Amino acid sequence: MAEAIFSVLKEGLSLSQAARKYDIPYPTFVLYANRVHNMLGPSADGGSDLRPKGRGRPQRILLGVWPDEHIRGVIRAVVFRDSHQIKEEPHIGYPRLHVRIE
């Protein structure tokens, strides 16, 4: 699973190609790939492009540029459920809105 997700990111395989190549059921692979994508955070290049497909919807997940170390840490956390390798990065959130309801 980890190698298949990494091949989508580095080799440019589509989700279905990677699932077939590594003999992983497609729905299961998409669930894991989506979790990895969500945990990777914003791409260094913006990552707004879509990967065109022959038919169906264009691929929207696992497109972008992230450091290899970060990718491997996220894959390890999702696939092997080992969160010790993920660095806690400062996360920019929205400021709290203090609204009083009277």
PDB file of N, CA and C in Angstrom:
ATOM      1  N   MET A   1       0.828  -1.185   0.000  1.00  0.00           N
ATOM      2  CA  MET A   1       0.000   0.000   0.000  1.00  0.00           C
ATOM      3  C   MET A   1       0.875   1.253   0.000  1.00  0.00           C
ATOM      4  N   ALA A   2       1.875   1.274   0.881  1.00  0.00           N
ATOM      5  CA  ALA A   2       2.746   2.442   0.986  1.00  0.00           C
ATOM      6  C   ALA A   2       3.483   2.686  -0.325  1.00  0.00           C
ATOM      7  N   GLU A   3       3.995   1.624  -0.907  1.00  0.00           N
ATOM      8  CA  GLU A   3       4.732   1.749  -2.164  1.00  0.00           C
ATOM      9  C   GLU A   3       3.814   2.210  -3.294  1.00  0.00           C
ATOM     10  N   ALA A   4       2.586   1.751  -3.300  1.00  0.00           N
ATOM     11  CA  ALA A   4       1.627   2.151  -4.333  1.00  0.00           C
ATOM     12  C   ALA A   4       1.306   3.636  -4.232  1.00  0.00           C
ATOM     13  N   ILE A   5       1.088   4.133  -3.015  1.00  0.00           N
ATOM     14  CA  ILE A   5       0.796   5.555  -2.835  1.00  0.00           C
ATOM     15  C   ILE A   5       2.003   6.386  -3.240  1.00  0.00           C
ATOM     16  N   PHE A   6       3.195   5.940  -2.862  1.00  0.00           N
ATOM     17  CA  PHE A   6       4.407   6.666  -3.232  1.00  0.00           C
ATOM     18  C   PHE A   6       4.581   6.689  -4.749  1.00  0.00           C
ATOM     19  N   SER A   7       4.203   5.613  -5.441  1.00  0.00           N
ATOM     20  CA  SER A   7       4.342   5.573  -6.903  1.00  0.00           C
ATOM     21  C   SER A   7       3.392   6.550  -7.586  1.00  0.00           C
ATOM     22  N   VAL A   8       2.233   6.797  -6.992  1.00  0.00           N
ATOM     23  CA  VAL A   8       1.320   7.802  -7.553  1.00  0.00           C
ATOM     24  C   VAL A   8       1.973   9.175  -7.455  1.00  0.00           C
ATOM     25  N   LEU A   9       2.597   9.454  -6.316  1.00  0.00           N
ATOM     26  CA  LEU A   9       3.214  10.757  -6.101  1.00  0.00           C
ATOM     27  C   LEU A   9       4.481  10.952  -6.923  1.00  0.00           C
ATOM     28  N   LYS A  10       5.305   9.930  -7.031  1.00  0.00           N
ATOM     29  CA  LYS A  10       6.617  10.094  -7.660  1.00  0.00           C
ATOM     30  C   LYS A  10       6.690   9.632  -9.113  1.00  0.00           C
ATOM     31  N   GLU A  11       5.953   8.593  -9.469  1.00  0.00           N
ATOM     32  CA  GLU A  11       6.025   8.064 -10.831  1.00  0.00           C
ATOM     33  C   GLU A  11       4.918   8.602 -11.720  1.00  0.00           C
ATOM     34  N   GLY A  12       3.933   9.257 -11.120  1.00  0.00           N
ATOM     35  CA  GLY A  12       2.840   9.819 -11.906  1.00  0.00           C
ATOM     36  C   GLY A  12       1.779   8.813 -12.308  1.00  0.00           C
ATOM     37  N   LEU A  13       1.735   7.661 -11.640  1.00  0.00           N
ATOM     38  CA  LEU A  13       0.684   6.693 -11.952  1.00  0.00           C
ATOM     39  C   LEU A  13      -0.663   7.245 -11.499  1.00  0.00           C
ATOM     40  N   SER A  14      -1.715   6.842 -12.181  1.00  0.00           N
ATOM     41  CA  SER A  14      -3.052   7.199 -11.707  1.00  0.00           C
ATOM     42  C   SER A  14      -3.394   6.276 -10.541  1.00  0.00           C
ATOM     43  N   LEU A  15      -4.448   6.614  -9.829  1.00  0.00           N
ATOM     44  CA  LEU A  15      -4.857   5.773  -8.703  1.00  0.00           C
ATOM     45  C   LEU A  15      -5.195   4.359  -9.170  1.00  0.00           C
ATOM     46  N   SER A  16      -5.922   4.251 -10.280  1.00  0.00           N
ATOM     47  CA  SER A  16      -6.313   2.922 -10.758  1.00  0.00           C
ATOM     48  C   SER A  16      -5.105   2.133 -11.268  1.00  0.00           C
ATOM     49  N   GLN A  17      -4.149   2.810 -11.916  1.00  0.00           N
ATOM     50  CA  GLN A  17      -2.947   2.119 -12.386  1.00  0.00           C
ATOM     51  C   GLN A  17      -2.145   1.563 -11.210  1.00  0.00           C
ATOM     52  N   ALA A  18      -1.987   2.375 -10.172  1.00  0.00           N
ATOM     53  CA  ALA A  18      -1.223   1.929  -9.001  1.00  0.00           C
ATOM     54  C   ALA A  18      -1.937   0.781  -8.291  1.00  0.00           C
ATOM     55  N   ALA A  19      -3.261   0.870  -8.178  1.00  0.00           N
ATOM     56  CA  ALA A  19      -4.022  -0.207  -7.526  1.00  0.00           C
ATOM     57  C   ALA A  19      -3.856  -1.516  -8.295  1.00  0.00           C
ATOM     58  N   ARG A  20      -3.922  -1.443  -9.629  1.00  0.00           N
ATOM     59  CA  ARG A  20      -3.739  -2.652 -10.447  1.00  0.00           C
ATOM     60  C   ARG A  20      -2.314  -3.184 -10.338  1.00  0.00           C
ATOM     61  N   LYS A  21      -1.327  -2.274 -10.446  1.00  0.00           N
ATOM     62  CA  LYS A  21       0.080  -2.683 -10.427  1.00  0.00           C
ATOM     63  C   LYS A  21       0.438  -3.405  -9.127  1.00  0.00           C
ATOM     64  N   TYR A  22      -0.092  -2.929  -8.013  1.00  0.00           N
ATOM     65  CA  TYR A  22       0.242  -3.507  -6.713  1.00  0.00           C
ATOM     66  C   TYR A  22      -0.834  -4.457  -6.196  1.00  0.00           C
ATOM     67  N   ASP A  23      -1.804  -4.783  -7.043  1.00  0.00           N
ATOM     68  CA  ASP A  23      -2.857  -5.755  -6.723  1.00  0.00           C
ATOM     69  C   ASP A  23      -3.582  -5.412  -5.414  1.00  0.00           C
ATOM     70  N   ILE A  24      -4.067  -4.170  -5.361  1.00  0.00           N
ATOM     71  CA  ILE A  24      -4.804  -3.669  -4.196  1.00  0.00           C
ATOM     72  C   ILE A  24      -6.221  -3.358  -4.662  1.00  0.00           C
ATOM     73  N   PRO A  25      -7.241  -3.746  -3.918  1.00  0.00           N
ATOM     74  CA  PRO A  25      -8.613  -3.384  -4.307  1.00  0.00           C
ATOM     75  C   PRO A  25      -8.745  -1.859  -4.418  1.00  0.00           C
ATOM     76  N   TYR A  26      -9.289  -1.402  -5.540  1.00  0.00           N
ATOM     77  CA  TYR A  26      -9.354   0.034  -5.819  1.00  0.00           C
ATOM     78  C   TYR A  26     -10.052   0.843  -4.723  1.00  0.00           C
ATOM     79  N   PRO A  27     -11.228   0.437  -4.230  1.00  0.00           N
ATOM     80  CA  PRO A  27     -11.881   1.262  -3.192  1.00  0.00           C
ATOM     81  C   PRO A  27     -11.031   1.415  -1.926  1.00  0.00           C
ATOM     82  N   THR A  28     -10.354   0.351  -1.529  1.00  0.00           N
ATOM     83  CA  THR A  28      -9.483   0.415  -0.354  1.00  0.00           C
ATOM     84  C   THR A  28      -8.317   1.354  -0.614  1.00  0.00           C
ATOM     85  N   PHE A  29      -7.736   1.252  -1.803  1.00  0.00           N
ATOM     86  CA  PHE A  29      -6.598   2.098  -2.150  1.00  0.00           C
ATOM     87  C   PHE A  29      -6.992   3.569  -2.150  1.00  0.00           C
ATOM     88  N   VAL A  30      -8.150   3.881  -2.696  1.00  0.00           N
ATOM     89  CA  VAL A  30      -8.603   5.273  -2.748  1.00  0.00           C
ATOM     90  C   VAL A  30      -8.822   5.821  -1.335  1.00  0.00           C
ATOM     91  N   LEU A  31      -9.347   5.008  -0.428  1.00  0.00           N
ATOM     92  CA  LEU A  31      -9.525   5.458   0.959  1.00  0.00           C
ATOM     93  C   LEU A  31      -8.187   5.849   1.587  1.00  0.00           C
ATOM     94  N   TYR A  32      -7.186   4.989   1.443  1.00  0.00           N
ATOM     95  CA  TYR A  32      -5.874   5.285   2.010  1.00  0.00           C
ATOM     96  C   TYR A  32      -5.227   6.476   1.308  1.00  0.00           C
ATOM     97  N   ALA A  33      -5.326   6.527  -0.015  1.00  0.00           N
ATOM     98  CA  ALA A  33      -4.733   7.634  -0.766  1.00  0.00           C
ATOM     99  C   ALA A  33      -5.363   8.962  -0.367  1.00  0.00           C
ATOM    100  N   ASN A  34      -6.660   8.972  -0.148  1.00  0.00           N
ATOM    101  CA  ASN A  34      -7.343  10.194   0.254  1.00  0.00           C
ATOM    102  C   ASN A  34      -6.895  10.635   1.648  1.00  0.00           C
ATOM    103  N   ARG A  35      -6.716   9.683   2.556  1.00  0.00           N
ATOM    104  CA  ARG A  35      -6.225  10.032   3.900  1.00  0.00           C
ATOM    105  C   ARG A  35      -4.829  10.632   3.828  1.00  0.00           C
ATOM    106  N   VAL A  36      -3.968  10.028   3.006  1.00  0.00           N
ATOM    107  CA  VAL A  36      -2.612  10.560   2.841  1.00  0.00           C
ATOM    108  C   VAL A  36      -2.682  11.967   2.263  1.00  0.00           C
ATOM    109  N   HIS A  37      -3.493  12.141   1.232  1.00  0.00           N
ATOM    110  CA  HIS A  37      -3.629  13.452   0.592  1.00  0.00           C
ATOM    111  C   HIS A  37      -4.067  14.511   1.600  1.00  0.00           C
ATOM    112  N   ASN A  38      -5.042  14.196   2.418  1.00  0.00           N
ATOM    113  CA  ASN A  38      -5.543  15.154   3.405  1.00  0.00           C
ATOM    114  C   ASN A  38      -4.494  15.494   4.458  1.00  0.00           C
ATOM    115  N   MET A  39      -3.663  14.534   4.815  1.00  0.00           N
ATOM    116  CA  MET A  39      -2.647  14.782   5.841  1.00  0.00           C
ATOM    117  C   MET A  39      -1.405  15.474   5.294  1.00  0.00           C
ATOM    118  N   LEU A  40      -1.183  15.408   3.980  1.00  0.00           N
ATOM    119  CA  LEU A  40       0.004  16.043   3.410  1.00  0.00           C
ATOM    120  C   LEU A  40      -0.046  17.562   3.533  1.00  0.00           C
ATOM    121  N   GLY A  41      -1.225  18.116   3.501  1.00  0.00           N
ATOM    122  CA  GLY A  41      -1.346  19.563   3.591  1.00  0.00           C
ATOM    123  C   GLY A  41      -1.138  20.220   2.240  1.00  0.00           C
ATOM    124  N   PRO A  42      -1.037  21.548   2.228  1.00  0.00           N
ATOM    125  CA  PRO A  42      -0.902  22.266   0.958  1.00  0.00           C
ATOM    126  C   PRO A  42       0.394  21.913   0.234  1.00  0.00           C
ATOM    127  N   SER A  43       0.298  21.812  -1.078  1.00  0.00           N
ATOM    128  CA  SER A  43       1.452  21.507  -1.913  1.00  0.00           C
ATOM    129  C   SER A  43       2.332  22.744  -2.061  1.00  0.00           C
ATOM    130  N   ALA A  44       3.632  22.517  -2.259  1.00  0.00           N
ATOM    131  CA  ALA A  44       4.571  23.617  -2.455  1.00  0.00           C
ATOM    132  C   ALA A  44       4.283  24.376  -3.745  1.00  0.00           C
ATOM    133  N   ASP A  45       3.696  23.695  -4.732  1.00  0.00           N
ATOM    134  CA  ASP A  45       3.417  24.351  -6.014  1.00  0.00           C
ATOM    135  C   ASP A  45       1.961  24.798  -6.143  1.00  0.00           C
ATOM    136  N   GLY A  46       1.225  24.740  -5.085  1.00  0.00           N
ATOM    137  CA  GLY A  46      -0.187  25.125  -5.152  1.00  0.00           C
ATOM    138  C   GLY A  46      -1.085  23.936  -5.383  1.00  0.00           C
ATOM    139  N   GLY A  47      -0.660  22.992  -6.219  1.00  0.00           N
ATOM    140  CA  GLY A  47      -1.372  21.738  -6.434  1.00  0.00           C
ATOM    141  C   GLY A  47      -2.798  21.848  -6.922  1.00  0.00           C
ATOM    142  N   SER A  48      -3.116  22.904  -7.661  1.00  0.00           N
ATOM    143  CA  SER A  48      -4.501  23.073  -8.101  1.00  0.00           C
ATOM    144  C   SER A  48      -4.788  22.383  -9.430  1.00  0.00           C
ATOM    145  N   ASP A  49      -3.756  21.841 -10.061  1.00  0.00           N
ATOM    146  CA  ASP A  49      -3.957  21.170 -11.347  1.00  0.00           C
ATOM    147  C   ASP A  49      -4.667  19.840 -11.152  1.00  0.00           C
ATOM    148  N   LEU A  50      -5.322  19.398 -12.202  1.00  0.00           N
ATOM    149  CA  LEU A  50      -5.981  18.099 -12.201  1.00  0.00           C
ATOM    150  C   LEU A  50      -5.225  17.182 -13.144  1.00  0.00           C
ATOM    151  N   ARG A  51      -5.170  15.914 -12.822  1.00  0.00           N
ATOM    152  CA  ARG A  51      -4.551  14.945 -13.721  1.00  0.00           C
ATOM    153  C   ARG A  51      -5.645  14.413 -14.630  1.00  0.00           C
ATOM    154  N   PRO A  52      -5.551  14.670 -15.942  1.00  0.00           N
ATOM    155  CA  PRO A  52      -6.616  14.212 -16.841  1.00  0.00           C
ATOM    156  C   PRO A  52      -6.659  12.692 -16.926  1.00  0.00           C
ATOM    157  N   LYS A  53      -7.830  12.178 -17.163  1.00  0.00           N
ATOM    158  CA  LYS A  53      -8.022  10.742 -17.321  1.00  0.00           C
ATOM    159  C   LYS A  53      -8.708  10.492 -18.653  1.00  0.00           C
ATOM    160  N   GLY A  54      -8.670   9.257 -19.086  1.00  0.00           N
ATOM    161  CA  GLY A  54      -9.325   8.898 -20.332  1.00  0.00           C
ATOM    162  C   GLY A  54     -10.830   9.076 -20.266  1.00  0.00           C
ATOM    163  N   ARG A  55     -11.413   8.692 -19.158  1.00  0.00           N
ATOM    164  CA  ARG A  55     -12.851   8.860 -18.971  1.00  0.00           C
ATOM    165  C   ARG A  55     -13.112   9.098 -17.494  1.00  0.00           C
ATOM    166  N   GLY A  56     -14.286   9.521 -17.192  1.00  0.00           N
ATOM    167  CA  GLY A  56     -14.613   9.796 -15.797  1.00  0.00           C
ATOM    168  C   GLY A  56     -14.071  11.139 -15.339  1.00  0.00           C
ATOM    169  N   ARG A  57     -14.083  11.326 -14.043  1.00  0.00           N
ATOM    170  CA  ARG A  57     -13.611  12.590 -13.475  1.00  0.00           C
ATOM    171  C   ARG A  57     -12.093  12.634 -13.430  1.00  0.00           C
ATOM    172  N   PRO A  58     -11.519  13.820 -13.572  1.00  0.00           N
ATOM    173  CA  PRO A  58     -10.063  13.926 -13.437  1.00  0.00           C
ATOM    174  C   PRO A  58      -9.632  13.649 -11.998  1.00  0.00           C
ATOM    175  N   GLN A  59      -8.428  13.136 -11.851  1.00  0.00           N
ATOM    176  CA  GLN A  59      -7.904  12.843 -10.516  1.00  0.00           C
ATOM    177  C   GLN A  59      -7.568  14.143  -9.806  1.00  0.00           C
ATOM    178  N   ARG A  60      -8.018  14.272  -8.577  1.00  0.00           N
ATOM    179  CA  ARG A  60      -7.780  15.482  -7.804  1.00  0.00           C
ATOM    180  C   ARG A  60      -6.855  15.254  -6.615  1.00  0.00           C
ATOM    181  N   ILE A  61      -6.670  14.016  -6.193  1.00  0.00           N
ATOM    182  CA  ILE A  61      -5.859  13.783  -4.997  1.00  0.00           C
ATOM    183  C   ILE A  61      -4.466  13.286  -5.359  1.00  0.00           C
ATOM    184  N   LEU A  62      -3.555  13.497  -4.455  1.00  0.00           N
ATOM    185  CA  LEU A  62      -2.145  13.124  -4.590  1.00  0.00           C
ATOM    186  C   LEU A  62      -1.479  13.805  -5.775  1.00  0.00           C
ATOM    187  N   LEU A  63      -1.853  15.046  -6.014  1.00  0.00           N
ATOM    188  CA  LEU A  63      -1.195  15.852  -7.032  1.00  0.00           C
ATOM    189  C   LEU A  63      -0.530  17.009  -6.319  1.00  0.00           C
ATOM    190  N   GLY A  64       0.739  17.181  -6.534  1.00  0.00           N
ATOM    191  CA  GLY A  64       1.441  18.288  -5.903  1.00  0.00           C
ATOM    192  C   GLY A  64       2.878  17.922  -5.610  1.00  0.00           C
ATOM    193  N   VAL A  65       3.551  18.822  -4.915  1.00  0.00           N
ATOM    194  CA  VAL A  65       4.957  18.635  -4.590  1.00  0.00           C
ATOM    195  C   VAL A  65       5.131  18.782  -3.084  1.00  0.00           C
ATOM    196  N   TRP A  66       5.660  17.743  -2.469  1.00  0.00           N
ATOM    197  CA  TRP A  66       5.959  17.746  -1.046  1.00  0.00           C
ATOM    198  C   TRP A  66       7.343  17.148  -0.858  1.00  0.00           C
ATOM    199  N   PRO A  67       8.044  17.501   0.212  1.00  0.00           N
ATOM    200  CA  PRO A  67       9.356  16.879   0.474  1.00  0.00           C
ATOM    201  C   PRO A  67       9.196  15.373   0.719  1.00  0.00           C
ATOM    202  N   ASP A  68      10.148  14.593   0.212  1.00  0.00           N
ATOM    203  CA  ASP A  68      10.082  13.131   0.349  1.00  0.00           C
ATOM    204  C   ASP A  68       9.955  12.689   1.803  1.00  0.00           C
ATOM    205  N   GLU A  69      10.685  13.347   2.693  1.00  0.00           N
ATOM    206  CA  GLU A  69      10.642  12.968   4.109  1.00  0.00           C
ATOM    207  C   GLU A  69       9.230  13.149   4.675  1.00  0.00           C
ATOM    208  N   HIS A  70       8.587  14.234   4.295  1.00  0.00           N
ATOM    209  CA  HIS A  70       7.218  14.496   4.759  1.00  0.00           C
ATOM    210  C   HIS A  70       6.256  13.447   4.189  1.00  0.00           C
ATOM    211  N   ILE A  71       6.414  13.132   2.906  1.00  0.00           N
ATOM    212  CA  ILE A  71       5.555  12.128   2.260  1.00  0.00           C
ATOM    213  C   ILE A  71       5.689  10.785   2.974  1.00  0.00           C
ATOM    214  N   ARG A  72       6.922  10.361   3.198  1.00  0.00           N
ATOM    215  CA  ARG A  72       7.151   9.061   3.848  1.00  0.00           C
ATOM    216  C   ARG A  72       6.584   9.036   5.269  1.00  0.00           C
ATOM    217  N   GLY A  73       6.711  10.139   5.995  1.00  0.00           N
ATOM    218  CA  GLY A  73       6.165  10.207   7.348  1.00  0.00           C
ATOM    219  C   GLY A  73       4.656  10.098   7.364  1.00  0.00           C
ATOM    220  N   VAL A  74       4.005  10.784   6.422  1.00  0.00           N
ATOM    221  CA  VAL A  74       2.541  10.738   6.347  1.00  0.00           C
ATOM    222  C   VAL A  74       2.077   9.345   5.927  1.00  0.00           C
ATOM    223  N   ILE A  75       2.727   8.761   4.936  1.00  0.00           N
ATOM    224  CA  ILE A  75       2.365   7.405   4.502  1.00  0.00           C
ATOM    225  C   ILE A  75       2.539   6.430   5.667  1.00  0.00           C
ATOM    226  N   ARG A  76       3.636   6.564   6.402  1.00  0.00           N
ATOM    227  CA  ARG A  76       3.876   5.686   7.554  1.00  0.00           C
ATOM    228  C   ARG A  76       2.768   5.852   8.593  1.00  0.00           C
ATOM    229  N   ALA A  77       2.347   7.083   8.815  1.00  0.00           N
ATOM    230  CA  ALA A  77       1.292   7.341   9.804  1.00  0.00           C
ATOM    231  C   ALA A  77      -0.046   6.756   9.367  1.00  0.00           C
ATOM    232  N   VAL A  78      -0.361   6.863   8.079  1.00  0.00           N
ATOM    233  CA  VAL A  78      -1.660   6.388   7.588  1.00  0.00           C
ATOM    234  C   VAL A  78      -1.664   4.874   7.398  1.00  0.00           C
ATOM    235  N   VAL A  79      -0.684   4.360   6.694  1.00  0.00           N
ATOM    236  CA  VAL A  79      -0.681   2.941   6.338  1.00  0.00           C
ATOM    237  C   VAL A  79      -0.293   2.065   7.528  1.00  0.00           C
ATOM    238  N   PHE A  80       0.741   2.471   8.251  1.00  0.00           N
ATOM    239  CA  PHE A  80       1.235   1.644   9.356  1.00  0.00           C
ATOM    240  C   PHE A  80       0.769   2.149  10.722  1.00  0.00           C
ATOM    241  N   ARG A  81       0.010   3.230  10.714  1.00  0.00           N
ATOM    242  CA  ARG A  81      -0.518   3.852  11.944  1.00  0.00           C
ATOM    243  C   ARG A  81       0.582   4.174  12.941  1.00  0.00           C
ATOM    244  N   ASP A  82       1.680   4.712  12.408  1.00  0.00           N
ATOM    245  CA  ASP A  82       2.825   5.104  13.224  1.00  0.00           C
ATOM    246  C   ASP A  82       2.987   6.611  13.110  1.00  0.00           C
ATOM    247  N   SER A  83       2.516   7.340  14.090  1.00  0.00           N
ATOM    248  CA  SER A  83       2.547   8.804  14.005  1.00  0.00           C
ATOM    249  C   SER A  83       3.791   9.406  14.650  1.00  0.00           C
ATOM    250  N   HIS A  84       4.748   8.596  15.066  1.00  0.00           N
ATOM    251  CA  HIS A  84       5.946   9.117  15.724  1.00  0.00           C
ATOM    252  C   HIS A  84       6.860   9.859  14.760  1.00  0.00           C
ATOM    253  N   GLN A  85       6.776   9.573  13.470  1.00  0.00           N
ATOM    254  CA  GLN A  85       7.674  10.183  12.498  1.00  0.00           C
ATOM    255  C   GLN A  85       7.168  11.513  11.950  1.00  0.00           C
ATOM    256  N   ILE A  86       5.931  11.852  12.217  1.00  0.00           N
ATOM    257  CA  ILE A  86       5.377  13.094  11.683  1.00  0.00           C
ATOM    258  C   ILE A  86       5.817  14.245  12.564  1.00  0.00           C
ATOM    259  N   LYS A  87       6.390  15.250  11.940  1.00  0.00           N
ATOM    260  CA  LYS A  87       6.811  16.427  12.683  1.00  0.00           C
ATOM    261  C   LYS A  87       5.603  17.318  12.907  1.00  0.00           C
ATOM    262  N   GLU A  88       5.515  17.836  14.091  1.00  0.00           N
ATOM    263  CA  GLU A  88       4.447  18.786  14.376  1.00  0.00           C
ATOM    264  C   GLU A  88       4.834  20.116  13.759  1.00  0.00           C
ATOM    265  N   GLU A  89       4.126  20.501  12.742  1.00  0.00           N
ATOM    266  CA  GLU A  89       4.402  21.772  12.097  1.00  0.00           C
ATOM    267  C   GLU A  89       3.423  22.803  12.613  1.00  0.00           C
ATOM    268  N   PRO A  90       3.903  24.039  12.770  1.00  0.00           N
ATOM    269  CA  PRO A  90       2.967  25.059  13.226  1.00  0.00           C
ATOM    270  C   PRO A  90       1.834  25.192  12.230  1.00  0.00           C
ATOM    271  N   HIS A  91       0.671  25.183  12.723  1.00  0.00           N
ATOM    272  CA  HIS A  91      -0.458  25.195  11.816  1.00  0.00           C
ATOM    273  C   HIS A  91      -1.142  26.547  11.919  1.00  0.00           C
ATOM    274  N   ILE A  92      -1.333  27.135  10.779  1.00  0.00           N
ATOM    275  CA  ILE A  92      -1.929  28.463  10.727  1.00  0.00           C
ATOM    276  C   ILE A  92      -3.431  28.295  10.713  1.00  0.00           C
ATOM    277  N   GLY A  93      -4.039  28.695  11.764  1.00  0.00           N
ATOM    278  CA  GLY A  93      -5.490  28.568  11.867  1.00  0.00           C
ATOM    279  C   GLY A  93      -6.140  29.928  11.792  1.00  0.00           C
ATOM    280  N   TYR A  94      -7.415  29.912  11.856  1.00  0.00           N
ATOM    281  CA  TYR A  94      -8.146  31.165  11.871  1.00  0.00           C
ATOM    282  C   TYR A  94      -8.130  31.718  13.285  1.00  0.00           C
ATOM    283  N   PRO A  95      -8.022  33.034  13.419  1.00  0.00           N
ATOM    284  CA  PRO A  95      -8.078  33.595  14.772  1.00  0.00           C
ATOM    285  C   PRO A  95      -9.452  33.357  15.371  1.00  0.00           C
ATOM    286  N   ARG A  96      -9.458  33.192  16.646  1.00  0.00           N
ATOM    287  CA  ARG A  96     -10.743  32.962  17.312  1.00  0.00           C
ATOM    288  C   ARG A  96     -11.599  34.208  17.218  1.00  0.00           C
ATOM    289  N   LEU A  97     -12.822  33.982  16.976  1.00  0.00           N
ATOM    290  CA  LEU A  97     -13.776  35.081  16.938  1.00  0.00           C
ATOM    291  C   LEU A  97     -14.492  35.111  18.277  1.00  0.00           C
ATOM    292  N   HIS A  98     -14.333  36.198  18.964  1.00  0.00           N
ATOM    293  CA  HIS A  98     -14.994  36.342  20.261  1.00  0.00           C
ATOM    294  C   HIS A  98     -16.311  37.062  20.044  1.00  0.00           C
ATOM    295  N   VAL A  99     -17.352  36.316  20.086  1.00  0.00           N
ATOM    296  CA  VAL A  99     -18.683  36.878  19.878  1.00  0.00           C
ATOM    297  C   VAL A  99     -19.490  36.621  21.135  1.00  0.00           C
ATOM    298  N   ARG A 100     -20.018  37.671  21.664  1.00  0.00           N
ATOM    299  CA  ARG A 100     -20.871  37.516  22.841  1.00  0.00           C
ATOM    300  C   ARG A 100     -22.316  37.486  22.409  1.00  0.00           C
ATOM    301  N   ILE A 101     -22.989  36.514  22.900  1.00  0.00           N
ATOM    302  CA  ILE A 101     -24.422  36.431  22.639  1.00  0.00           C
ATOM    303  C   ILE A 101     -25.119  36.810  23.935  1.00  0.00           C
ATOM    304  N   GLU A 102     -25.848  37.885  23.882  1.00  0.00           N
ATOM    305  CA  GLU A 102     -26.532  38.361  25.095  1.00  0.00           C
ATOM    306  C   GLU A 102     -28.013  38.313  24.937  1.00  0.00           C
TER     307      GLU A 102
END
